[in-house]
Amino acid sequence: MTELVPTGPQAFSFEGHDVRVLIIGGEPWWVANDVCAVLGLADVRRAVERLEAEDRRQTPVLDARNVHQMTWVINEPGLYDLIIRSDKPAAKPFRRWVTGEVLPSIRKTGSYGRELSRLELAQMIVEAEKERLAIESQLHEATERVDELSGYVAQIGPEAGSWRALAATGDDWLVEDVARILNRDAAIEIGGGRLWAKLYEWNVMTRYRERPQPRQEYIDRGYFRVRIVTYPDPKGGLTPKSAPQVRVTYKGVTWLHHKLGGTDAVDDLMTDGPDTEAA
């Protein structure tokens, strides 16, 4: 997926603190360092890591030296979560000010206290078009892959539903199946849920329209792909799954195995079907 370029940041002042907000995908995202300073939360990293994965992300933000630095930002639910945790006297006035003045202004104009410039509007249009083209490209690749696999499914017949038949394609696997493969390594203890959590923790995965999506750089490296999966239809032909799936390639399995500290040969781990997932 093509990442949306943030507009801003737009800084505003609350009781002597500068708090910066960016508009990403039409929604406000707050610079976590600034929010934690207002709320008296000294350990910014810990505060951010306790939020839900979809409520936090890293994005480039210009610093005082006019250099882009990867910075933690939080969305509106994440902001409220941090406010609730704070016992500072400023927490309640800050919440009232945010909800009563700042957010209504942002929702009306796309920024705090100003109308969007023509350049910002043009940028948003360009980025939206880039995202649309990227999605179309992925769907086109998925369609071509469906056609390619149709012949293979016809050849393997009843064996199509077995793990060995699918693994024999040397193609890609679900994240949950990859977790089961990696869990066979004596040096790795991982289950599907924990592997998903690691992917978000490493900032490998993001969310697009409430669905997991690998970041573009990891797709470009050949570790992941997003494609439509089809299954044999008992009445003949193929039945497509309703939503695209995140799939891990063989190269991605090898990369995850190394990153998790695996010691066994990857090919040895993949000789049999998936085991029961670890707790």
Protein backbone atom coordinates (compact mmCIF):
# COMPACT_ATOMS: atom_id res chain seq x y z
CA MET A 1 0.00 0.00 0.00
CA THR A 2 1.19 3.53 -0.71
CA GLU A 3 1.51 5.39 2.58
CA LEU A 4 -0.54 8.59 2.83
CA VAL A 5 1.72 11.61 3.25
CA PRO A 6 0.83 13.55 6.42
CA THR A 7 -0.20 17.19 6.08
CA GLY A 8 1.32 19.49 8.64
CA PRO A 9 2.30 19.23 11.36
CA GLN A 10 0.16 22.06 12.70
CA ALA A 11 1.26 23.22 16.16
CA PHE A 12 -1.05 24.69 18.77
CA SER A 13 -0.42 25.76 22.34
CA PHE A 14 -1.98 24.45 25.53
CA GLU A 15 -0.84 26.00 28.82
CA GLY A 16 2.59 26.77 27.40
CA HIS A 17 3.07 23.41 25.66
CA ASP A 18 3.32 23.15 21.88
CA VAL A 19 1.27 20.16 20.70
CA ARG A 20 1.56 19.12 17.07
CA VAL A 21 -1.17 17.40 15.05
CA LEU A 22 -0.93 15.88 11.59
CA ILE A 23 -3.72 14.93 9.22
CA ILE A 24 -3.18 11.41 7.86
CA GLY A 25 -5.85 9.87 5.67
CA GLY A 26 -8.23 12.67 6.67
CA GLU A 27 -7.89 11.92 10.41
CA PRO A 28 -5.92 13.79 13.11
CA TRP A 29 -2.83 12.10 14.55
CA TRP A 30 -1.08 13.67 17.53
CA VAL A 31 2.68 13.72 18.19
CA ALA A 32 3.01 11.43 21.21
CA ASN A 33 5.96 13.29 22.74
CA ASP A 34 3.94 16.51 22.89
CA VAL A 35 0.83 14.86 24.37
CA CYS A 36 2.86 13.04 27.03
CA ALA A 37 4.55 16.33 27.99
CA VAL A 38 1.13 17.91 28.66
CA LEU A 39 -0.10 14.87 30.60
CA GLY A 40 3.06 14.38 32.66
CA LEU A 41 3.82 10.94 31.22
CA ALA A 42 7.62 10.76 31.37
CA ASP A 43 8.15 7.43 29.60
CA VAL A 44 6.78 8.16 26.13
CA ARG A 45 7.84 4.84 24.61
CA ARG A 46 6.15 2.81 27.34
CA ALA A 47 2.99 4.93 27.14
CA VAL A 48 2.76 4.45 23.38
CA GLU A 49 3.52 0.72 23.44
CA ARG A 50 0.58 0.15 25.82
CA LEU A 51 -1.84 1.49 23.21
CA GLU A 52 -3.63 -0.73 20.70
CA ALA A 53 -1.54 -1.29 17.56
CA GLU A 54 -4.08 0.47 15.34
CA ASP A 55 -3.97 3.56 17.57
CA ARG A 56 -0.26 4.27 17.09
CA ARG A 57 2.16 4.50 14.20
CA GLN A 58 5.50 6.00 13.24
CA THR A 59 5.68 8.67 10.58
CA PRO A 60 8.30 11.23 9.47
CA VAL A 61 7.89 14.60 11.22
CA LEU A 62 10.05 17.69 10.73
CA ASP A 63 12.11 18.52 13.82
CA ALA A 64 13.53 21.89 14.93
CA ARG A 65 16.46 21.41 12.52
CA ASN A 66 14.04 20.98 9.61
CA VAL A 67 15.01 17.28 9.33
CA HIS A 68 12.45 14.48 9.02
CA GLN A 69 12.60 12.13 12.01
CA MET A 70 10.53 8.97 12.45
CA THR A 71 8.16 9.93 15.26
CA TRP A 72 5.42 8.16 17.20
CA VAL A 73 1.97 9.63 16.56
CA ILE A 74 -1.37 8.55 18.03
CA ASN A 75 -4.93 8.78 16.74
CA GLU A 76 -7.99 10.07 18.61
CA PRO A 77 -8.73 6.83 20.55
CA GLY A 78 -5.05 6.65 21.53
CA LEU A 79 -5.18 10.28 22.69
CA TYR A 80 -8.15 9.59 24.96
CA ASP A 81 -6.41 6.49 26.32
CA LEU A 82 -3.38 8.55 27.38
CA ILE A 83 -5.59 11.26 28.90
CA ILE A 84 -7.40 8.67 31.04
CA ARG A 85 -4.09 7.34 32.38
CA SER A 86 -2.84 10.76 33.47
CA ASP A 87 -3.42 12.00 37.02
CA LYS A 88 -2.19 15.51 36.20
CA PRO A 89 -4.61 18.38 36.96
CA ALA A 90 -4.18 19.47 33.33
CA ALA A 91 -5.65 16.22 31.98
CA LYS A 92 -9.33 17.20 32.27
CA PRO A 93 -8.93 20.76 30.91
CA PHE A 94 -6.81 19.35 28.09
CA ARG A 95 -9.51 16.81 27.19
CA ARG A 96 -12.25 19.46 27.26
CA TRP A 97 -10.18 21.80 25.09
CA VAL A 98 -9.34 19.06 22.59
CA THR A 99 -12.92 17.81 22.26
CA GLY A 100 -14.62 21.21 22.45
CA GLU A 101 -12.33 23.35 20.32
CA VAL A 102 -9.47 21.64 18.53
CA LEU A 103 -11.16 18.53 17.09
CA PRO A 104 -14.25 20.38 15.80
CA SER A 105 -11.95 22.82 14.02
CA ILE A 106 -9.87 19.99 12.54
CA ARG A 107 -12.94 18.13 11.32
CA LYS A 108 -14.28 21.28 9.71
CA THR A 109 -11.13 22.53 7.96
CA GLY A 110 -8.70 19.59 7.95
CA SER A 111 -6.35 21.49 10.28
CA TYR A 112 -6.42 23.52 13.46
CA GLY A 113 -7.77 27.00 12.88
CA ARG A 114 -7.08 27.33 9.13
CA GLU A 115 -8.39 26.28 5.75
CA LEU A 116 -6.41 23.83 3.65
CA SER A 117 -4.20 25.50 1.07
CA ARG A 118 -4.51 24.65 -2.63
CA LEU A 119 -1.14 22.90 -2.40
CA GLU A 120 -2.32 20.69 0.49
CA LEU A 121 -5.55 19.86 -1.32
CA ALA A 122 -3.59 18.98 -4.47
CA GLN A 123 -1.22 16.82 -2.42
CA MET A 124 -4.12 14.94 -0.85
CA ILE A 125 -5.64 14.30 -4.29
CA VAL A 126 -2.31 13.08 -5.69
CA GLU A 127 -1.69 10.75 -2.76
CA ALA A 128 -5.22 9.35 -2.93
CA GLU A 129 -4.71 8.64 -6.64
CA LYS A 130 -1.37 6.94 -5.93
CA GLU A 131 -3.04 4.75 -3.34
CA ARG A 132 -5.85 3.84 -5.75
CA LEU A 133 -3.36 2.88 -8.47
CA ALA A 134 -1.32 0.79 -6.03
CA ILE A 135 -4.43 -1.15 -4.97
CA GLU A 136 -5.45 -1.67 -8.59
CA SER A 137 -1.97 -2.99 -9.36
CA GLN A 138 -2.15 -5.47 -6.48
CA LEU A 139 -5.59 -6.66 -7.58
CA HIS A 140 -4.33 -7.08 -11.15
CA GLU A 141 -1.42 -9.21 -9.89
CA ALA A 142 -3.85 -11.22 -7.76
CA THR A 143 -6.08 -11.89 -10.76
CA GLU A 144 -3.10 -13.09 -12.81
CA ARG A 145 -2.09 -15.39 -9.95
CA VAL A 146 -5.62 -16.82 -9.77
CA ASP A 147 -5.44 -17.69 -13.47
CA GLU A 148 -2.02 -19.27 -12.98
CA LEU A 149 -3.20 -21.44 -10.09
CA SER A 150 -6.36 -22.54 -11.85
CA GLY A 151 -4.39 -24.94 -14.03
CA TYR A 152 -2.44 -26.23 -11.07
CA VAL A 153 -5.58 -26.93 -9.03
CA ALA A 154 -7.06 -28.84 -11.95
CA GLN A 155 -3.92 -31.02 -12.13
CA ILE A 156 -3.71 -31.95 -8.45
CA GLY A 157 -7.45 -32.62 -8.19
CA PRO A 158 -8.62 -34.00 -4.82
CA GLU A 159 -5.20 -33.36 -3.31
CA ALA A 160 -5.74 -29.60 -3.65
CA GLY A 161 -6.98 -29.24 -0.10
CA SER A 162 -3.95 -30.86 1.52
CA TRP A 163 -1.07 -28.96 3.07
CA ARG A 164 1.51 -30.85 0.99
CA ALA A 165 -0.21 -29.84 -2.23
CA LEU A 166 -0.28 -26.19 -1.26
CA ALA A 167 3.30 -26.24 0.04
CA ALA A 168 4.47 -27.87 -3.18
CA THR A 169 3.71 -24.67 -5.05
CA GLY A 170 6.58 -22.98 -3.23
CA ASP A 171 4.40 -19.89 -3.26
CA ASP A 172 3.26 -18.30 0.01
CA TRP A 173 1.50 -19.05 3.29
CA LEU A 174 -0.83 -17.51 5.83
CA VAL A 175 0.82 -15.84 8.82
CA GLU A 176 -0.75 -18.45 11.12
CA ASP A 177 0.73 -21.30 9.07
CA VAL A 178 4.13 -19.62 9.07
CA ALA A 179 3.95 -19.43 12.88
CA ARG A 180 3.34 -23.18 13.01
CA ILE A 181 6.31 -23.80 10.73
CA LEU A 182 8.63 -21.58 12.76
CA ASN A 183 7.42 -23.08 16.05
CA ARG A 184 9.05 -26.38 15.03
CA ASP A 185 12.45 -24.78 15.53
CA ALA A 186 13.69 -25.56 19.05
CA ALA A 187 14.94 -21.98 19.41
CA ILE A 188 11.57 -20.39 18.57
CA GLU A 189 8.34 -20.46 20.56
CA ILE A 190 5.66 -18.62 18.63
CA GLY A 191 1.98 -18.86 17.78
CA GLY A 192 -0.17 -17.11 15.20
CA GLY A 193 -1.34 -14.37 17.54
CA ARG A 194 2.15 -13.64 18.83
CA LEU A 195 3.59 -13.55 15.32
CA TRP A 196 0.97 -10.98 14.28
CA ALA A 197 1.85 -8.96 17.39
CA LYS A 198 5.54 -9.09 16.47
CA LEU A 199 4.82 -7.86 12.94
CA TYR A 200 3.01 -4.82 14.35
CA GLU A 201 5.70 -4.30 17.00
CA TRP A 202 8.44 -4.30 14.33
CA ASN A 203 6.37 -1.82 12.29
CA VAL A 204 6.28 -4.37 9.44
CA MET A 205 2.49 -4.38 9.37
CA THR A 206 -0.02 -1.53 9.35
CA ARG A 207 -3.79 -1.40 8.87
CA TYR A 208 -5.76 -0.28 5.83
CA ARG A 209 -9.54 -0.04 6.11
CA GLU A 210 -9.42 -2.09 9.33
CA ARG A 211 -7.46 -4.90 7.65
CA PRO A 212 -3.79 -5.83 8.17
CA GLN A 213 -1.50 -4.61 5.38
CA PRO A 214 2.28 -5.11 5.01
CA ARG A 215 4.21 -1.88 4.61
CA GLN A 216 5.26 -1.31 1.02
CA GLU A 217 9.00 -1.68 1.69
CA TYR A 218 8.49 -5.26 2.92
CA ILE A 219 6.37 -6.08 -0.11
CA ASP A 220 9.13 -4.63 -2.32
CA ARG A 221 11.68 -6.84 -0.55
CA GLY A 222 9.62 -9.88 -1.51
CA TYR A 223 8.70 -10.91 2.06
CA PHE A 224 4.94 -10.48 1.75
CA ARG A 225 2.20 -10.15 -0.82
CA VAL A 226 -1.49 -9.36 -0.62
CA ARG A 227 -3.61 -11.44 -2.93
CA ILE A 228 -7.02 -12.91 -3.46
CA VAL A 229 -7.08 -16.58 -2.52
CA THR A 230 -9.31 -19.10 -4.26
CA TYR A 231 -10.47 -22.53 -3.18
CA PRO A 232 -11.80 -25.42 -5.26
CA ASP A 233 -15.57 -25.27 -5.66
CA PRO A 234 -17.26 -28.70 -5.27
CA LYS A 235 -19.43 -27.75 -8.26
CA GLY A 236 -16.38 -27.02 -10.36
CA GLY A 237 -14.07 -24.08 -10.90
CA LEU A 238 -12.71 -21.79 -8.19
CA THR A 239 -14.41 -19.84 -5.44
CA PRO A 240 -12.60 -16.60 -4.51
CA LYS A 241 -12.20 -15.59 -0.90
CA SER A 242 -14.11 -12.37 -0.25
CA ALA A 243 -11.18 -10.27 1.00
CA PRO A 244 -7.48 -10.17 0.06
CA GLN A 245 -5.15 -12.07 2.39
CA VAL A 246 -1.72 -11.20 3.73
CA ARG A 247 0.61 -13.97 2.58
CA VAL A 248 4.23 -14.68 3.55
CA THR A 249 6.61 -15.75 0.80
CA TYR A 250 9.41 -18.31 1.19
CA LYS A 251 11.83 -15.37 1.35
CA GLY A 252 9.68 -13.86 4.09
CA VAL A 253 9.64 -17.13 6.06
CA THR A 254 13.45 -17.22 5.90
CA TRP A 255 13.65 -13.59 7.05
CA LEU A 256 11.25 -14.17 9.97
CA HIS A 257 13.14 -17.33 10.97
CA HIS A 258 16.39 -15.36 11.17
CA LYS A 259 14.80 -12.39 12.97
CA LEU A 260 13.28 -14.68 15.62
CA GLY A 261 16.64 -16.36 16.23
CA GLY A 262 15.95 -19.71 14.58
CA THR A 263 18.76 -22.28 14.44
CA ASP A 264 17.36 -25.12 12.33
CA ALA A 265 17.37 -25.19 8.53
CA VAL A 266 14.20 -23.57 7.19
CA ASP A 267 13.68 -26.27 4.54
CA ASP A 268 13.70 -28.94 7.26
CA LEU A 269 10.96 -27.09 9.12
CA MET A 270 8.78 -27.01 6.01
CA THR A 271 8.88 -30.69 5.09
CA ASP A 272 5.58 -31.55 6.81
CA GLY A 273 2.20 -29.95 7.27
CA PRO A 274 1.48 -27.28 9.89
CA ASP A 275 1.39 -28.41 13.50
CA THR A 276 -1.08 -27.37 16.15
CA GLU A 277 -0.47 -23.73 16.93
CA ALA A 278 1.45 -22.86 20.08
CA ALA A 279 -0.42 -21.13 22.85
